[in-house]
Amino acid sequence: MFEKEKKEVLDCALEIKRNRLVSLSGGNVSMRVGEDRFLVTPSGMIYEEMVPDDVCLIDAQCRPVEGVRKPSSDSAALVYMFQHMPQAQAIIHTHQPWATAAGFAADEIPDFLVTVMDACRNPVKVAPFTPSSAIGMGELAVEYAGDSLAVILKHHGVLTWGKDIKEALYAAVYLEEAAKTFVLAKAMGAEIPALDPALIEQEKKGWETYGQ
């Protein structure tokens, strides 16, 4: 069941690994595939060793529906997000270093760079720390999401989401690029000027037809 979607989840997991947003078996990728059915990468399994059938199908109580692997330990937080963010069809959790570092320097990453405006849609807020595997991670993500497609988790990493897995992936990868620029600018002591909101909106409109 959901063979195509399982491959999409695995391909995305490999892509975040290639972009150095996670190491070994860190993070997870999940996708909504029904009203109360979700695909999620398994717990503690290195992505390069996975095949699509290793991706777990779970229900709204995080109970396995299909698959022999143990679902991600963050499943409760992910299901909470899906239930409270109907616009999210896919969620990616990473431990990306630049964005996580930026979360110690500011309460949000402003829309100071085209990658934030385009892929994250709005400034990315920094949520307080919650332990791994706690549902609080999902609760705080919903609380701090605003109109963005990403949240930075202090002392932890990042959560991104989107109308499909590609949108969630672009948010994660481009947030890391923007965060690197942000951290480097801060390290140089540079002031990051605010941009004209009209120009920001113009940039966002251009992204709507990007690649079409």
Protein backbone atom coordinates (compact mmCIF):
# COMPACT_ATOMS: atom_id res chain seq x y z
CA MET A 1 0.00 0.00 0.00
CA PHE A 2 1.18 3.54 -0.86
CA GLU A 3 4.29 2.28 -2.67
CA LYS A 4 4.70 5.51 -4.67
CA GLU A 5 4.35 7.66 -1.56
CA LYS A 6 6.79 5.51 0.42
CA LYS A 7 9.38 6.01 -2.31
CA GLU A 8 8.79 9.77 -2.17
CA VAL A 9 9.39 9.72 1.59
CA LEU A 10 12.61 7.72 1.20
CA ASP A 11 13.86 9.89 -1.67
CA CYS A 12 13.26 12.97 0.47
CA ALA A 13 15.10 11.41 3.42
CA LEU A 14 18.09 10.71 1.19
CA GLU A 15 17.97 14.28 -0.14
CA ILE A 16 18.10 15.88 3.31
CA LYS A 17 21.05 13.60 4.04
CA ARG A 18 22.80 14.69 0.82
CA ASN A 19 22.28 18.31 1.85
CA ARG A 20 23.84 17.60 5.26
CA LEU A 21 20.71 18.48 7.18
CA VAL A 22 20.96 15.23 9.15
CA SER A 23 23.58 12.61 9.97
CA LEU A 24 23.24 8.83 10.16
CA SER A 25 19.62 8.16 11.19
CA GLY A 26 18.80 11.63 12.52
CA GLY A 27 15.55 13.43 11.80
CA ASN A 28 12.56 12.04 9.96
CA VAL A 29 10.23 12.51 7.01
CA SER A 30 6.47 12.02 7.16
CA MET A 31 3.51 12.36 4.83
CA ARG A 32 -0.27 12.44 5.19
CA VAL A 33 -1.85 9.70 3.03
CA GLY A 34 -5.44 9.74 4.30
CA GLU A 35 -7.71 11.28 6.89
CA ASP A 36 -6.02 9.37 9.70
CA ARG A 37 -3.12 7.59 8.00
CA PHE A 38 0.47 8.81 7.88
CA LEU A 39 3.74 7.55 6.47
CA VAL A 40 6.86 8.11 8.59
CA THR A 41 10.45 6.98 8.39
CA PRO A 42 11.42 4.27 10.88
CA SER A 43 13.24 4.85 14.13
CA GLY A 44 17.03 4.60 14.23
CA MET A 45 17.57 3.34 10.69
CA ILE A 46 20.26 4.81 8.44
CA TYR A 47 18.58 6.18 5.34
CA GLU A 48 20.98 4.62 2.84
CA GLU A 49 20.10 1.19 4.25
CA MET A 50 16.37 1.70 3.82
CA VAL A 51 14.05 0.50 1.06
CA PRO A 52 10.55 1.94 0.53
CA ASP A 53 8.92 -0.91 2.46
CA ASP A 54 10.83 0.19 5.57
CA VAL A 55 8.71 3.35 5.67
CA CYS A 56 6.01 2.89 8.31
CA LEU A 57 2.28 3.45 7.91
CA ILE A 58 0.67 4.58 11.17
CA ASP A 59 -2.76 5.73 12.34
CA ALA A 60 -3.75 8.78 14.37
CA GLN A 61 -2.80 6.97 17.60
CA CYS A 62 0.66 6.24 16.17
CA ARG A 63 -0.15 2.55 15.94
CA PRO A 64 1.52 0.66 13.08
CA VAL A 65 -0.90 -0.18 10.27
CA GLU A 66 1.63 -1.61 7.86
CA GLY A 67 5.34 -2.37 8.00
CA VAL A 68 7.69 -4.25 10.29
CA ARG A 69 9.83 -1.35 11.47
CA LYS A 70 9.32 0.76 14.57
CA PRO A 71 7.97 4.20 13.58
CA SER A 72 9.97 7.33 14.36
CA SER A 73 10.04 8.22 18.04
CA ASP A 74 8.71 11.66 17.04
CA SER A 75 5.52 10.18 15.59
CA ALA A 76 3.23 11.63 18.28
CA ALA A 77 4.53 15.15 17.61
CA LEU A 78 4.20 14.68 13.86
CA VAL A 79 0.63 13.38 14.08
CA TYR A 80 -0.24 16.32 16.35
CA MET A 81 1.06 18.69 13.68
CA PHE A 82 -0.88 16.96 10.92
CA GLN A 83 -4.06 17.14 13.01
CA HIS A 84 -3.65 20.84 13.79
CA MET A 85 -2.16 22.00 10.47
CA PRO A 86 -4.57 20.82 7.76
CA GLN A 87 -2.47 22.63 5.16
CA ALA A 88 0.51 20.35 5.89
CA GLN A 89 0.65 17.25 3.70
CA ALA A 90 4.29 16.49 4.48
CA ILE A 91 6.59 17.28 7.42
CA ILE A 92 10.39 17.10 7.58
CA HIS A 93 12.38 17.15 10.82
CA THR A 94 16.12 17.80 10.62
CA HIS A 95 19.05 18.63 12.86
CA GLN A 96 20.50 21.16 10.40
CA PRO A 97 23.41 22.97 12.08
CA TRP A 98 23.28 26.47 10.62
CA ALA A 99 19.59 27.04 11.29
CA THR A 100 19.93 25.55 14.77
CA ALA A 101 22.89 27.85 15.46
CA ALA A 102 20.91 30.84 14.23
CA GLY A 103 18.26 29.96 16.79
CA PHE A 104 20.68 30.90 19.56
CA ALA A 105 21.31 34.34 18.05
CA ALA A 106 17.74 35.47 17.39
CA ASP A 107 14.11 34.73 18.13
CA GLU A 108 13.38 34.50 14.43
CA ILE A 109 15.10 34.45 11.06
CA PRO A 110 13.64 37.46 9.24
CA ASP A 111 12.72 37.48 5.58
CA PHE A 112 16.05 39.11 4.80
CA LEU A 113 17.04 36.78 1.96
CA VAL A 114 15.20 35.58 -1.12
CA THR A 115 15.42 31.96 0.04
CA VAL A 116 13.44 32.75 3.20
CA MET A 117 10.87 34.81 1.28
CA ASP A 118 10.49 32.16 -1.40
CA ALA A 119 10.76 28.77 0.25
CA CYS A 120 9.69 29.57 3.82
CA ARG A 121 7.18 32.25 2.79
CA ASN A 122 7.59 34.30 5.99
CA PRO A 123 10.04 34.85 8.88
CA VAL A 124 10.93 31.64 10.73
CA LYS A 125 10.37 31.73 14.48
CA VAL A 126 12.46 29.95 17.12
CA ALA A 127 10.51 27.72 19.51
CA PRO A 128 11.71 26.74 23.01
CA PHE A 129 13.36 23.40 23.65
CA THR A 130 11.42 20.21 24.22
CA PRO A 131 13.02 16.76 24.57
CA SER A 132 13.15 14.44 21.59
CA SER A 133 10.14 12.14 21.22
CA ALA A 134 7.90 14.50 23.22
CA ILE A 135 4.56 15.58 21.76
CA GLY A 136 5.51 19.07 22.93
CA MET A 137 7.75 19.38 19.89
CA GLY A 138 4.65 19.27 17.69
CA GLU A 139 2.64 21.50 20.01
CA LEU A 140 5.32 24.20 19.94
CA ALA A 141 5.71 23.92 16.18
CA VAL A 142 2.00 24.61 15.74
CA GLU A 143 2.16 27.48 18.23
CA TYR A 144 5.16 29.14 16.59
CA ALA A 145 4.40 28.34 12.94
CA GLY A 146 2.58 31.54 12.06
CA ASP A 147 2.39 31.86 8.27
CA SER A 148 5.81 30.31 7.72
CA LEU A 149 6.64 26.82 6.47
CA ALA A 150 9.30 26.24 9.11
CA VAL A 151 10.09 26.48 12.80
CA ILE A 152 13.50 26.29 14.45
CA LEU A 153 13.58 24.17 17.61
CA LYS A 154 16.09 25.59 20.09
CA HIS A 155 18.77 23.07 21.14
CA HIS A 156 17.34 20.61 18.64
CA GLY A 157 16.84 21.35 14.95
CA VAL A 158 14.15 22.32 12.48
CA LEU A 159 10.65 21.33 11.38
CA THR A 160 9.36 22.23 7.92
CA TRP A 161 6.11 21.37 6.16
CA GLY A 162 4.26 22.00 2.95
CA LYS A 163 1.37 21.21 0.65
CA ASP A 164 3.55 18.39 -0.65
CA ILE A 165 6.89 16.84 0.16
CA LYS A 166 8.73 19.03 -2.36
CA GLU A 167 7.55 22.23 -0.69
CA ALA A 168 8.64 20.93 2.73
CA LEU A 169 12.03 19.91 1.28
CA TYR A 170 12.65 23.29 -0.34
CA ALA A 171 11.81 25.00 2.96
CA ALA A 172 14.36 22.88 4.84
CA VAL A 173 17.20 23.20 2.33
CA TYR A 174 16.78 26.89 1.61
CA LEU A 175 16.32 27.76 5.28
CA GLU A 176 19.74 26.22 5.92
CA GLU A 177 21.27 28.32 3.16
CA ALA A 178 19.68 31.47 4.57
CA ALA A 179 20.69 30.59 8.13
CA LYS A 180 24.31 30.21 7.07
CA THR A 181 24.22 33.71 5.60
CA PHE A 182 22.51 35.00 8.75
CA VAL A 183 25.08 33.46 11.10
CA LEU A 184 28.01 34.67 9.02
CA ALA A 185 26.61 38.21 8.88
CA LYS A 186 26.14 38.20 12.65
CA ALA A 187 29.68 36.88 13.14
CA MET A 188 31.04 39.77 11.08
CA GLY A 189 29.07 42.23 13.18
CA ALA A 190 27.00 43.27 10.19
CA GLU A 191 23.58 44.82 10.57
CA ILE A 192 20.93 43.09 8.50
CA PRO A 193 18.62 45.83 7.20
CA ALA A 194 14.88 45.30 6.91
CA LEU A 195 13.50 45.21 3.40
CA ASP A 196 10.55 47.10 1.94
CA PRO A 197 7.47 44.85 2.47
CA ALA A 198 6.33 45.62 -1.08
CA LEU A 199 9.57 44.21 -2.47
CA ILE A 200 9.21 41.12 -0.30
CA GLU A 201 5.71 40.52 -1.69
CA GLN A 202 7.00 41.01 -5.22
CA GLU A 203 9.67 38.37 -4.59
CA LYS A 204 7.09 35.93 -3.23
CA LYS A 205 4.88 36.33 -6.30
CA GLY A 206 7.80 35.39 -8.52
CA TRP A 207 8.29 32.15 -6.59
CA GLU A 208 4.69 31.10 -7.29
CA THR A 209 5.56 30.46 -10.93
CA TYR A 210 9.15 29.27 -10.35
CA GLY A 211 9.90 26.24 -12.50
CA GLN A 212 6.63 26.45 -14.41
